C-alpha atoms as a PDB file:
ATOM      1  CA  UNK A   1     -58.275   2.888  -1.628  1.00  0.00           C
ATOM      2  CA  UNK A   2     -59.736   4.861   1.262  1.00  0.00           C
ATOM      3  CA  UNK A   3     -56.336   5.048   2.941  1.00  0.00           C
ATOM      4  CA  UNK A   4     -54.649   6.373  -0.201  1.00  0.00           C
ATOM      5  CA  UNK A   5     -57.428   8.883  -0.749  1.00  0.00           C
ATOM      6  CA  UNK A   6     -57.150  10.090   2.819  1.00  0.00           C
ATOM      7  CA  UNK A   7     -53.350  10.383   2.540  1.00  0.00           C
ATOM      8  CA  UNK A   8     -53.621  12.294  -0.707  1.00  0.00           C
ATOM      9  CA  UNK A   9     -55.971  14.778   0.945  1.00  0.00           C
ATOM     10  CA  UNK A  10     -53.809  15.097   4.056  1.00  0.00           C
ATOM     11  CA  UNK A  11     -51.334  17.920   4.342  1.00  0.00           C
ATOM     12  CA  UNK A  12     -47.717  17.027   3.544  1.00  0.00           C
ATOM     13  CA  UNK A  13     -45.071  18.804   5.575  1.00  0.00           C
ATOM     14  CA  UNK A  14     -41.403  19.357   4.802  1.00  0.00           C
ATOM     15  CA  UNK A  15     -38.695  17.836   6.947  1.00  0.00           C
ATOM     16  CA  UNK A  16     -36.424  20.759   7.896  1.00  0.00           C
ATOM     17  CA  UNK A  17     -32.759  20.357   7.086  1.00  0.00           C
ATOM     18  CA  UNK A  18     -31.851  20.894  10.759  1.00  0.00           C
ATOM     19  CA  UNK A  19     -34.550  18.428  11.897  1.00  0.00           C
ATOM     20  CA  UNK A  20     -35.898  21.195  14.121  1.00  0.00           C
ATOM     21  CA  UNK A  21     -39.489  21.776  15.058  1.00  0.00           C
ATOM     22  CA  UNK A  22     -40.128  24.581  12.560  1.00  0.00           C
ATOM     23  CA  UNK A  23     -41.996  23.818   9.401  1.00  0.00           C
ATOM     24  CA  UNK A  24     -39.548  25.507   7.122  1.00  0.00           C
ATOM     25  CA  UNK A  25     -39.401  24.153   3.601  1.00  0.00           C
ATOM     26  CA  UNK A  26     -35.695  24.744   2.987  1.00  0.00           C
ATOM     27  CA  UNK A  27     -34.007  22.174   0.806  1.00  0.00           C
ATOM     28  CA  UNK A  28     -31.894  19.271   2.004  1.00  0.00           C
ATOM     29  CA  UNK A  29     -28.584  18.339   0.288  1.00  0.00           C
ATOM     30  CA  UNK A  30     -29.149  15.649  -2.316  1.00  0.00           C
ATOM     31  CA  UNK A  31     -27.020  12.988  -0.617  1.00  0.00           C
ATOM     32  CA  UNK A  32     -28.605  13.639   2.769  1.00  0.00           C
ATOM     33  CA  UNK A  33     -32.129  13.576   1.303  1.00  0.00           C
ATOM     34  CA  UNK A  34     -31.492  10.155  -0.226  1.00  0.00           C
ATOM     35  CA  UNK A  35     -30.115   8.843   3.064  1.00  0.00           C
ATOM     36  CA  UNK A  36     -33.126  10.094   4.979  1.00  0.00           C
ATOM     37  CA  UNK A  37     -35.478   8.649   2.395  1.00  0.00           C
ATOM     38  CA  UNK A  38     -33.915   5.215   2.897  1.00  0.00           C
ATOM     39  CA  UNK A  39     -34.329   5.553   6.665  1.00  0.00           C
ATOM     40  CA  UNK A  40     -38.006   6.466   6.330  1.00  0.00           C
ATOM     41  CA  UNK A  41     -38.593   3.671   3.856  1.00  0.00           C
ATOM     42  CA  UNK A  42     -37.001   1.159   6.226  1.00  0.00           C
ATOM     43  CA  UNK A  43     -39.247   2.411   9.048  1.00  0.00           C
ATOM     44  CA  UNK A  44     -42.391   2.243   6.923  1.00  0.00           C
ATOM     45  CA  UNK A  45     -43.015   5.986   7.039  1.00  0.00           C
ATOM     46  CA  UNK A  46     -44.594   7.391   3.844  1.00  0.00           C
ATOM     47  CA  UNK A  47     -42.652  10.162   2.152  1.00  0.00           C
ATOM     48  CA  UNK A  48     -42.040  11.821  -1.153  1.00  0.00           C
ATOM     49  CA  UNK A  49     -39.174  13.788  -2.638  1.00  0.00           C
ATOM     50  CA  UNK A  50     -39.794  17.060  -4.445  1.00  0.00           C
ATOM     51  CA  UNK A  51     -37.529  19.725  -5.825  1.00  0.00           C
ATOM     52  CA  UNK A  52     -37.225  22.928  -3.817  1.00  0.00           C
ATOM     53  CA  UNK A  53     -35.164  25.277  -5.938  1.00  0.00           C
ATOM     54  CA  UNK A  54     -31.780  23.639  -6.500  1.00  0.00           C
ATOM     55  CA  UNK A  55     -32.155  21.105  -3.695  1.00  0.00           C
ATOM     56  CA  UNK A  56     -34.603  18.247  -3.050  1.00  0.00           C
ATOM     57  CA  UNK A  57     -37.227  18.515  -0.321  1.00  0.00           C
ATOM     58  CA  UNK A  58     -38.360  15.551   1.791  1.00  0.00           C
ATOM     59  CA  UNK A  59     -42.080  15.601   2.566  1.00  0.00           C
ATOM     60  CA  UNK A  60     -44.131  13.404   4.924  1.00  0.00           C
ATOM     61  CA  UNK A  61     -47.823  13.451   5.895  1.00  0.00           C
ATOM     62  CA  UNK A  62     -48.514  15.717   8.852  1.00  0.00           C
ATOM     63  CA  UNK A  63     -49.537  12.745  10.986  1.00  0.00           C
ATOM     64  CA  UNK A  64     -46.124  11.112  10.458  1.00  0.00           C
ATOM     65  CA  UNK A  65     -43.967  14.211  10.801  1.00  0.00           C
ATOM     66  CA  UNK A  66     -43.072  13.787  14.483  1.00  0.00           C
ATOM     67  CA  UNK A  67     -42.229  10.105  14.022  1.00  0.00           C
ATOM     68  CA  UNK A  68     -40.173  10.848  10.917  1.00  0.00           C
ATOM     69  CA  UNK A  69     -38.139  13.538  12.664  1.00  0.00           C
ATOM     70  CA  UNK A  70     -37.571  11.258  15.659  1.00  0.00           C
ATOM     71  CA  UNK A  71     -36.256   8.452  13.445  1.00  0.00           C
ATOM     72  CA  UNK A  72     -34.005  10.815  11.510  1.00  0.00           C
ATOM     73  CA  UNK A  73     -32.609  12.374  14.707  1.00  0.00           C
ATOM     74  CA  UNK A  74     -31.757   8.899  16.008  1.00  0.00           C
ATOM     75  CA  UNK A  75     -30.135   8.029  12.681  1.00  0.00           C
ATOM     76  CA  UNK A  76     -28.023  11.188  12.705  1.00  0.00           C
ATOM     77  CA  UNK A  77     -26.923  10.638  16.307  1.00  0.00           C
ATOM     78  CA  UNK A  78     -25.899   7.037  15.623  1.00  0.00           C
ATOM     79  CA  UNK A  79     -23.934   8.036  12.534  1.00  0.00           C
ATOM     80  CA  UNK A  80     -22.551  11.354  13.733  1.00  0.00           C
ATOM     81  CA  UNK A  81     -18.907  10.223  13.540  1.00  0.00           C
ATOM     82  CA  UNK A  82     -19.268   8.038  10.443  1.00  0.00           C
ATOM     83  CA  UNK A  83     -17.294   7.763   8.351  1.00  0.00           C
ATOM     84  CA  UNK A  84     -14.537   8.525  10.850  1.00  0.00           C
ATOM     85  CA  UNK A  85     -12.013  11.188   9.973  1.00  0.00           C
ATOM     86  CA  UNK A  86      -8.802   9.636   8.575  1.00  0.00           C
ATOM     87  CA  UNK A  87      -5.943   9.795  11.075  1.00  0.00           C
ATOM     88  CA  UNK A  88      -3.425  12.483  10.358  1.00  0.00           C
ATOM     89  CA  UNK A  89      -0.407  11.142   8.505  1.00  0.00           C
ATOM     90  CA  UNK A  90       2.852  11.538  10.420  1.00  0.00           C
ATOM     91  CA  UNK A  91       5.178  14.192   9.013  1.00  0.00           C
ATOM     92  CA  UNK A  92       7.606  12.763   6.480  1.00  0.00           C
ATOM     93  CA  UNK A  93      11.194  12.210   7.526  1.00  0.00           C
ATOM     94  CA  UNK A  94      13.722  14.418   5.784  1.00  0.00           C
ATOM     95  CA  UNK A  95      15.833  11.575   4.389  1.00  0.00           C
ATOM     96  CA  UNK A  96      15.379  11.804   0.626  1.00  0.00           C
ATOM     97  CA  UNK A  97      19.085  12.500   0.053  1.00  0.00           C
ATOM     98  CA  UNK A  98      20.077   9.478   2.140  1.00  0.00           C
ATOM     99  CA  UNK A  99      17.693   7.219   0.216  1.00  0.00           C
ATOM    100  CA  UNK A 100      18.916   8.489  -3.151  1.00  0.00           C
ATOM    101  CA  UNK A 101      22.510   7.937  -2.025  1.00  0.00           C
ATOM    102  CA  UNK A 102      21.703   4.317  -1.204  1.00  0.00           C
ATOM    103  CA  UNK A 103      20.080   3.883  -4.605  1.00  0.00           C
ATOM    104  CA  UNK A 104      23.194   5.288  -6.254  1.00  0.00           C
ATOM    105  CA  UNK A 105      25.201   2.528  -4.577  1.00  0.00           C
ATOM    106  CA  UNK A 106      23.289   0.056  -6.751  1.00  0.00           C
ATOM    107  CA  UNK A 107      24.409   1.958  -9.828  1.00  0.00           C
ATOM    108  CA  UNK A 108      27.991   2.223  -8.566  1.00  0.00           C
ATOM    109  CA  UNK A 109      28.203  -1.494  -7.816  1.00  0.00           C
ATOM    110  CA  UNK A 110      26.776  -2.359 -11.241  1.00  0.00           C
ATOM    111  CA  UNK A 111      29.265  -0.084 -12.999  1.00  0.00           C
ATOM    112  CA  UNK A 112      32.223  -1.497 -11.074  1.00  0.00           C
ATOM    113  CA  UNK A 113      31.199  -4.990 -12.127  1.00  0.00           C
ATOM    114  CA  UNK A 114      30.700  -4.026 -15.767  1.00  0.00           C
ATOM    115  CA  UNK A 115      34.037  -2.191 -15.878  1.00  0.00           C
ATOM    116  CA  UNK A 116      35.857  -5.112 -14.323  1.00  0.00           C
ATOM    117  CA  UNK A 117      37.164  -3.159 -11.331  1.00  0.00           C
ATOM    118  CA  UNK A 118      38.621  -5.536  -8.713  1.00  0.00           C
ATOM    119  CA  UNK A 119      41.601  -6.007  -6.390  1.00  0.00           C
ATOM    120  CA  UNK A 120      44.932  -5.805  -8.243  1.00  0.00           C
ATOM    121  CA  UNK A 121      46.390  -9.247  -8.852  1.00  0.00           C
ATOM    122  CA  UNK A 122      43.140 -11.017  -7.985  1.00  0.00           C
ATOM    123  CA  UNK A 123      40.974 -12.874 -10.485  1.00  0.00           C
ATOM    124  CA  UNK A 124      37.672 -11.168 -11.291  1.00  0.00           C
ATOM    125  CA  UNK A 125      34.789 -13.059  -9.621  1.00  0.00           C
ATOM    126  CA  UNK A 126      32.049 -14.485 -11.790  1.00  0.00           C
ATOM    127  CA  UNK A 127      29.471 -12.220 -10.228  1.00  0.00           C
ATOM    128  CA  UNK A 128      26.399 -13.685 -11.871  1.00  0.00           C
ATOM    129  CA  UNK A 129      27.468 -17.250 -11.203  1.00  0.00           C
ATOM    130  CA  UNK A 130      28.106 -16.710  -7.497  1.00  0.00           C
ATOM    131  CA  UNK A 131      25.334 -14.210  -6.753  1.00  0.00           C
ATOM    132  CA  UNK A 132      22.268 -14.994  -8.866  1.00  0.00           C
ATOM    133  CA  UNK A 133      19.050 -16.339  -7.357  1.00  0.00           C
ATOM    134  CA  UNK A 134      19.578 -19.917  -8.542  1.00  0.00           C
ATOM    135  CA  UNK A 135      16.621 -21.919  -7.214  1.00  0.00           C
ATOM    136  CA  UNK A 136      18.456 -25.222  -6.845  1.00  0.00           C
ATOM    137  CA  UNK A 137      21.468 -23.732  -5.079  1.00  0.00           C
ATOM    138  CA  UNK A 138      19.283 -21.621  -2.783  1.00  0.00           C
ATOM    139  CA  UNK A 139      17.302 -24.666  -1.733  1.00  0.00           C
ATOM    140  CA  UNK A 140      20.581 -26.518  -1.165  1.00  0.00           C
ATOM    141  CA  UNK A 141      21.635 -23.985   1.459  1.00  0.00           C
ATOM    142  CA  UNK A 142      23.208 -21.046  -0.376  1.00  0.00           C
ATOM    143  CA  UNK A 143      21.044 -18.513   1.418  1.00  0.00           C
ATOM    144  CA  UNK A 144      23.222 -15.534   0.512  1.00  0.00           C
ATOM    145  CA  UNK A 145      21.916 -15.657  -3.046  1.00  0.00           C
ATOM    146  CA  UNK A 146      18.583 -14.381  -1.746  1.00  0.00           C
ATOM    147  CA  UNK A 147      20.400 -11.130  -0.935  1.00  0.00           C
ATOM    148  CA  UNK A 148      23.134 -10.884  -3.546  1.00  0.00           C
ATOM    149  CA  UNK A 149      20.690 -11.355  -6.424  1.00  0.00           C
ATOM    150  CA  UNK A 150      18.973  -8.125  -5.371  1.00  0.00           C
ATOM    151  CA  UNK A 151      22.166  -6.156  -6.092  1.00  0.00           C
ATOM    152  CA  UNK A 152      22.870  -7.648  -9.536  1.00  0.00           C
ATOM    153  CA  UNK A 153      21.339  -6.550 -12.840  1.00  0.00           C
ATOM    154  CA  UNK A 154      21.460  -8.104 -16.280  1.00  0.00           C
ATOM    155  CA  UNK A 155      22.383  -4.823 -17.977  1.00  0.00           C
ATOM    156  CA  UNK A 156      22.314  -1.067 -17.529  1.00  0.00           C
ATOM    157  CA  UNK A 157      18.766  -0.772 -18.899  1.00  0.00           C
ATOM    158  CA  UNK A 158      17.587  -3.303 -16.320  1.00  0.00           C
ATOM    159  CA  UNK A 159      19.235  -1.274 -13.553  1.00  0.00           C
ATOM    160  CA  UNK A 160      17.904   2.045 -14.854  1.00  0.00           C
ATOM    161  CA  UNK A 161      14.341   0.726 -14.984  1.00  0.00           C
ATOM    162  CA  UNK A 162      14.471  -0.467 -11.390  1.00  0.00           C
ATOM    163  CA  UNK A 163      16.031   2.774 -10.159  1.00  0.00           C
ATOM    164  CA  UNK A 164      13.656   5.040 -12.078  1.00  0.00           C
ATOM    165  CA  UNK A 165      10.472   3.197 -11.131  1.00  0.00           C
ATOM    166  CA  UNK A 166      11.486   1.766  -7.797  1.00  0.00           C
ATOM    167  CA  UNK A 167      13.169   4.940  -6.628  1.00  0.00           C
ATOM    168  CA  UNK A 168       9.836   6.749  -6.413  1.00  0.00           C
ATOM    169  CA  UNK A 169       8.283   4.113  -4.161  1.00  0.00           C
ATOM    170  CA  UNK A 170      11.409   3.594  -2.077  1.00  0.00           C
ATOM    171  CA  UNK A 171      11.879   7.311  -1.411  1.00  0.00           C
ATOM    172  CA  UNK A 172       8.250   7.641  -0.350  1.00  0.00           C
ATOM    173  CA  UNK A 173       8.430   4.514   1.830  1.00  0.00           C
ATOM    174  CA  UNK A 174      11.598   5.630   3.625  1.00  0.00           C
ATOM    175  CA  UNK A 175      10.186   9.104   4.221  1.00  0.00           C
ATOM    176  CA  UNK A 176       7.107   7.511   5.792  1.00  0.00           C
ATOM    177  CA  UNK A 177       8.869   4.839   7.903  1.00  0.00           C
ATOM    178  CA  UNK A 178      12.351   6.269   8.323  1.00  0.00           C
ATOM    179  CA  UNK A 179      15.511   5.133   6.519  1.00  0.00           C
ATOM    180  CA  UNK A 180      16.456   2.290   8.842  1.00  0.00           C
ATOM    181  CA  UNK A 181      13.052   0.664   9.127  1.00  0.00           C
ATOM    182  CA  UNK A 182      12.267   1.336   5.475  1.00  0.00           C
ATOM    183  CA  UNK A 183      15.395  -0.377   4.135  1.00  0.00           C
ATOM    184  CA  UNK A 184      15.147  -3.224   6.649  1.00  0.00           C
ATOM    185  CA  UNK A 185      11.607  -4.001   5.497  1.00  0.00           C
ATOM    186  CA  UNK A 186      12.608  -3.630   1.847  1.00  0.00           C
ATOM    187  CA  UNK A 187      15.477  -6.074   2.331  1.00  0.00           C
ATOM    188  CA  UNK A 188      13.205  -8.551   4.106  1.00  0.00           C
ATOM    189  CA  UNK A 189      10.591  -8.255   1.364  1.00  0.00           C
ATOM    190  CA  UNK A 190      13.231  -8.851  -1.318  1.00  0.00           C
ATOM    191  CA  UNK A 191      14.819 -11.789   0.491  1.00  0.00           C
ATOM    192  CA  UNK A 192      11.560 -13.526   1.374  1.00  0.00           C
ATOM    193  CA  UNK A 193      10.172 -12.811  -2.087  1.00  0.00           C
ATOM    194  CA  UNK A 194      13.208 -14.484  -3.668  1.00  0.00           C
ATOM    195  CA  UNK A 195      12.867 -17.425  -1.280  1.00  0.00           C
ATOM    196  CA  UNK A 196       9.192 -18.002  -2.104  1.00  0.00           C
ATOM    197  CA  UNK A 197       9.979 -17.631  -5.790  1.00  0.00           C
ATOM    198  CA  UNK A 198      12.802 -20.202  -5.522  1.00  0.00           C
ATOM    199  CA  UNK A 199      10.414 -22.674  -3.908  1.00  0.00           C
ATOM    200  CA  UNK A 200       7.758 -22.180  -6.564  1.00  0.00           C
ATOM    201  CA  UNK A 201      10.022 -22.092  -9.636  1.00  0.00           C
ATOM    202  CA  UNK A 202      11.716 -25.069 -11.354  1.00  0.00           C
ATOM    203  CA  UNK A 203      15.153 -25.995 -10.000  1.00  0.00           C
ATOM    204  CA  UNK A 204      16.905 -24.645 -13.089  1.00  0.00           C
ATOM    205  CA  UNK A 205      15.405 -21.174 -12.600  1.00  0.00           C
ATOM    206  CA  UNK A 206      17.816 -18.291 -12.047  1.00  0.00           C
ATOM    207  CA  UNK A 207      17.237 -14.544 -11.831  1.00  0.00           C
ATOM    208  CA  UNK A 208      18.886 -11.278 -10.785  1.00  0.00           C
ATOM    209  CA  UNK A 209      17.658  -7.780 -10.086  1.00  0.00           C
ATOM    210  CA  UNK A 210      16.216  -5.548  -7.390  1.00  0.00           C
ATOM    211  CA  UNK A 211      12.716  -5.675  -8.885  1.00  0.00           C
ATOM    212  CA  UNK A 212      11.638  -8.162  -6.189  1.00  0.00           C
ATOM    213  CA  UNK A 213      12.551  -5.490  -3.659  1.00  0.00           C
ATOM    214  CA  UNK A 214      10.876  -2.765  -5.737  1.00  0.00           C
ATOM    215  CA  UNK A 215       7.557  -4.589  -5.854  1.00  0.00           C
ATOM    216  CA  UNK A 216       7.999  -5.331  -2.164  1.00  0.00           C
ATOM    217  CA  UNK A 217       7.939  -1.546  -1.731  1.00  0.00           C
ATOM    218  CA  UNK A 218       4.686  -1.345  -3.739  1.00  0.00           C
ATOM    219  CA  UNK A 219       3.110  -4.015  -1.522  1.00  0.00           C
ATOM    220  CA  UNK A 220       4.361  -2.311   1.633  1.00  0.00           C
ATOM    221  CA  UNK A 221       2.894   1.038   0.623  1.00  0.00           C
ATOM    222  CA  UNK A 222      -0.447  -0.554  -0.257  1.00  0.00           C
ATOM    223  CA  UNK A 223      -0.699  -2.260   3.139  1.00  0.00           C
ATOM    224  CA  UNK A 224       0.504   0.815   5.020  1.00  0.00           C
ATOM    225  CA  UNK A 225      -2.378   2.692   3.438  1.00  0.00           C
ATOM    226  CA  UNK A 226      -4.813  -0.041   4.497  1.00  0.00           C
ATOM    227  CA  UNK A 227      -3.442   0.026   8.041  1.00  0.00           C
ATOM    228  CA  UNK A 228      -3.833   3.789   8.252  1.00  0.00           C
ATOM    229  CA  UNK A 229      -7.425   3.661   6.955  1.00  0.00           C
ATOM    230  CA  UNK A 230      -8.455   0.414   8.640  1.00  0.00           C
ATOM    231  CA  UNK A 231     -11.411   2.133  10.336  1.00  0.00           C
ATOM    232  CA  UNK A 232     -12.602   3.851   7.180  1.00  0.00           C
ATOM    233  CA  UNK A 233     -15.082   2.666   4.585  1.00  0.00           C
ATOM    234  CA  UNK A 234     -13.894  -0.206   2.415  1.00  0.00           C
ATOM    235  CA  UNK A 235     -13.352   2.039  -0.603  1.00  0.00           C
ATOM    236  CA  UNK A 236     -10.741   4.105   1.219  1.00  0.00           C
ATOM    237  CA  UNK A 237      -8.445   1.121   1.727  1.00  0.00           C
ATOM    238  CA  UNK A 238      -9.486  -1.277  -1.013  1.00  0.00           C
ATOM    239  CA  UNK A 239      -9.129   1.105  -3.946  1.00  0.00           C
ATOM    240  CA  UNK A 240      -5.465   2.032  -3.234  1.00  0.00           C
ATOM    241  CA  UNK A 241      -4.661  -1.676  -2.863  1.00  0.00           C
ATOM    242  CA  UNK A 242      -6.420  -2.408  -6.141  1.00  0.00           C
ATOM    243  CA  UNK A 243      -4.378   0.393  -7.674  1.00  0.00           C
ATOM    244  CA  UNK A 244      -1.192  -1.266  -6.425  1.00  0.00           C
ATOM    245  CA  UNK A 245      -2.274  -4.567  -7.993  1.00  0.00           C
ATOM    246  CA  UNK A 246      -2.947  -2.743 -11.261  1.00  0.00           C
ATOM    247  CA  UNK A 247       0.532  -1.229 -11.048  1.00  0.00           C
ATOM    248  CA  UNK A 248       1.979  -4.699 -10.553  1.00  0.00           C
ATOM    249  CA  UNK A 249       0.127  -5.891 -13.645  1.00  0.00           C
ATOM    250  CA  UNK A 250       1.241  -2.867 -15.654  1.00  0.00           C
ATOM    251  CA  UNK A 251       4.912  -2.729 -14.691  1.00  0.00           C
ATOM    252  CA  UNK A 252       5.629  -6.235 -13.505  1.00  0.00           C
ATOM    253  CA  UNK A 253       4.604  -8.311 -16.515  1.00  0.00           C
ATOM    254  CA  UNK A 254       6.311  -6.536 -19.420  1.00  0.00           C
ATOM    255  CA  UNK A 255       9.411  -7.789 -21.142  1.00  0.00           C
ATOM    256  CA  UNK A 256      10.398 -11.145 -22.509  1.00  0.00           C
ATOM    257  CA  UNK A 257      12.772 -11.929 -19.612  1.00  0.00           C
ATOM    258  CA  UNK A 258      10.595 -10.475 -16.866  1.00  0.00           C
ATOM    259  CA  UNK A 259      10.451 -12.700 -13.788  1.00  0.00           C
ATOM    260  CA  UNK A 260       6.762 -12.344 -13.006  1.00  0.00           C
ATOM    261  CA  UNK A 261       7.053 -14.818 -10.132  1.00  0.00           C
ATOM    262  CA  UNK A 262       9.680 -12.695  -8.364  1.00  0.00           C
ATOM    263  CA  UNK A 263       7.597  -9.538  -8.831  1.00  0.00           C
ATOM    264  CA  UNK A 264       4.443 -11.168  -7.534  1.00  0.00           C
ATOM    265  CA  UNK A 265       6.227 -12.796  -4.575  1.00  0.00           C
ATOM    266  CA  UNK A 266       7.905  -9.534  -3.631  1.00  0.00           C
ATOM    267  CA  UNK A 267       4.587  -7.703  -3.795  1.00  0.00           C
ATOM    268  CA  UNK A 268       2.735 -10.277  -1.681  1.00  0.00           C
ATOM    269  CA  UNK A 269       5.460 -10.467   0.960  1.00  0.00           C
ATOM    270  CA  UNK A 270       5.619  -6.680   1.139  1.00  0.00           C
ATOM    271  CA  UNK A 271       1.842  -6.462   1.466  1.00  0.00           C
ATOM    272  CA  UNK A 272       1.884  -8.997   4.322  1.00  0.00           C
ATOM    273  CA  UNK A 273       4.649  -7.135   6.162  1.00  0.00           C
ATOM    274  CA  UNK A 274       3.063  -3.719   5.708  1.00  0.00           C
ATOM    275  CA  UNK A 275       0.026  -4.404   7.892  1.00  0.00           C
ATOM    276  CA  UNK A 276       1.864  -5.024  11.203  1.00  0.00           C
ATOM    277  CA  UNK A 277       4.459  -2.378  10.335  1.00  0.00           C
ATOM    278  CA  UNK A 278       1.748   0.211   9.705  1.00  0.00           C
ATOM    279  CA  UNK A 279      -0.037  -0.695  12.937  1.00  0.00           C
ATOM    280  CA  UNK A 280       3.121  -0.364  15.034  1.00  0.00           C
ATOM    281  CA  UNK A 281       4.234   2.873  13.400  1.00  0.00           C
ATOM    282  CA  UNK A 282       0.748   4.321  13.782  1.00  0.00           C
ATOM    283  CA  UNK A 283       0.694   3.360  17.459  1.00  0.00           C
ATOM    284  CA  UNK A 284       4.290   4.119  18.505  1.00  0.00           C
ATOM    285  CA  UNK A 285       5.624   6.325  15.739  1.00  0.00           C
ATOM    286  CA  UNK A 286       8.769   5.846  13.672  1.00  0.00           C
ATOM    287  CA  UNK A 287      11.896   4.403  15.329  1.00  0.00           C
ATOM    288  CA  UNK A 288      14.078   6.951  17.090  1.00  0.00           C
ATOM    289  CA  UNK A 289      17.462   8.066  15.819  1.00  0.00           C
ATOM    290  CA  UNK A 290      19.497   5.269  17.444  1.00  0.00           C
ATOM    291  CA  UNK A 291      17.176   2.366  16.522  1.00  0.00           C
ATOM    292  CA  UNK A 292      16.952   3.766  12.991  1.00  0.00           C
ATOM    293  CA  UNK A 293      20.743   3.809  12.689  1.00  0.00           C
ATOM    294  CA  UNK A 294      20.949   0.252  14.037  1.00  0.00           C
ATOM    295  CA  UNK A 295      18.410  -0.949  11.486  1.00  0.00           C
ATOM    296  CA  UNK A 296      20.388   0.747   8.721  1.00  0.00           C
ATOM    297  CA  UNK A 297      23.613  -0.916   9.888  1.00  0.00           C
ATOM    298  CA  UNK A 298      21.828  -4.252  10.102  1.00  0.00           C
ATOM    299  CA  UNK A 299      20.641  -4.008   6.503  1.00  0.00           C
ATOM    300  CA  UNK A 300      24.082  -2.994   5.242  1.00  0.00           C
ATOM    301  CA  UNK A 301      25.720  -5.784   7.274  1.00  0.00           C
ATOM    302  CA  UNK A 302      23.405  -8.419   5.812  1.00  0.00           C
ATOM    303  CA  UNK A 303      24.300  -7.334   2.263  1.00  0.00           C
ATOM    304  CA  UNK A 304      28.041  -7.238   3.043  1.00  0.00           C
ATOM    305  CA  UNK A 305      27.985 -10.618   4.804  1.00  0.00           C
ATOM    306  CA  UNK A 306      26.059 -12.177   1.936  1.00  0.00           C
ATOM    307  CA  UNK A 307      28.627 -11.050  -0.612  1.00  0.00           C
ATOM    308  CA  UNK A 308      31.465 -12.258   1.620  1.00  0.00           C
ATOM    309  CA  UNK A 309      29.814 -15.688   1.679  1.00  0.00           C
ATOM    310  CA  UNK A 310      29.310 -15.593  -2.095  1.00  0.00           C
ATOM    311  CA  UNK A 311      32.934 -14.627  -2.756  1.00  0.00           C
ATOM    312  CA  UNK A 312      34.194 -17.312  -0.376  1.00  0.00           C
ATOM    313  CA  UNK A 313      32.085 -19.944  -2.148  1.00  0.00           C
ATOM    314  CA  UNK A 314      33.235 -18.675  -5.543  1.00  0.00           C
ATOM    315  CA  UNK A 315      36.902 -18.913  -4.498  1.00  0.00           C
ATOM    316  CA  UNK A 316      36.432 -22.572  -3.591  1.00  0.00           C
ATOM    317  CA  UNK A 317      34.755 -23.386  -6.876  1.00  0.00           C
END
């Protein structure tokens, strides 16, 4: 009781906002005042918060003022660069037209199939039969189906949905990584997503569509954001990833014939690939012109070779 009475009678002095030696009673920003109050509380230094105009004022007994300022100076020095400033994002590549042209190839291929355009005198292939992601046939060695299924769509509405929704993510991804690396990672995410889905699904499961690739793009973008903000507070990388998961739940589960497994597998594979990709791009930058072209040719060659294998198998059967 004596201690409290003595403290009540003792003069209380304001902590200056600049932690200087003057006894000015200027207010401290609300967030900063709360931080400093926590520091003083942890150090066992008595304090009280009062309003000083529009800002709070941190007060301590005169006998504790020097110790309080010393603790707060140390706190500010230790946390001077926290949270760290986010690294500057690399300038986007000017490749939107190229990416949109590649997306249009999906539409062109779909229309050629639906219109029955094929070599004169040759029988029309059964595109769905030879190119769908049939789990049993994939696990029996028909690897090309992992690729060809990404280029097939059940109908025009299915194609339009993937192009309209996926196009946004794919354009952004390719502008961030470059066309070659972007499409190579998208293809890998789609292929590996289809493979994981084939392993997990019953043997009689079959699916088509580029949505595995589209949700691979969502996962890639989420992880690229985490990689870029890996030294930031958890909110700066966790919240965008949570947003991507919410997007998966919103767009990837609707429709009676929606292959949720393919969407989820594509997303998870893309998310796993995005972390090392983001680290390497952040450290070394995007691939140069020649490597980017080689990656683009590689992706196109994989798709072409897969369809050649599918057509060869279809001709035998």
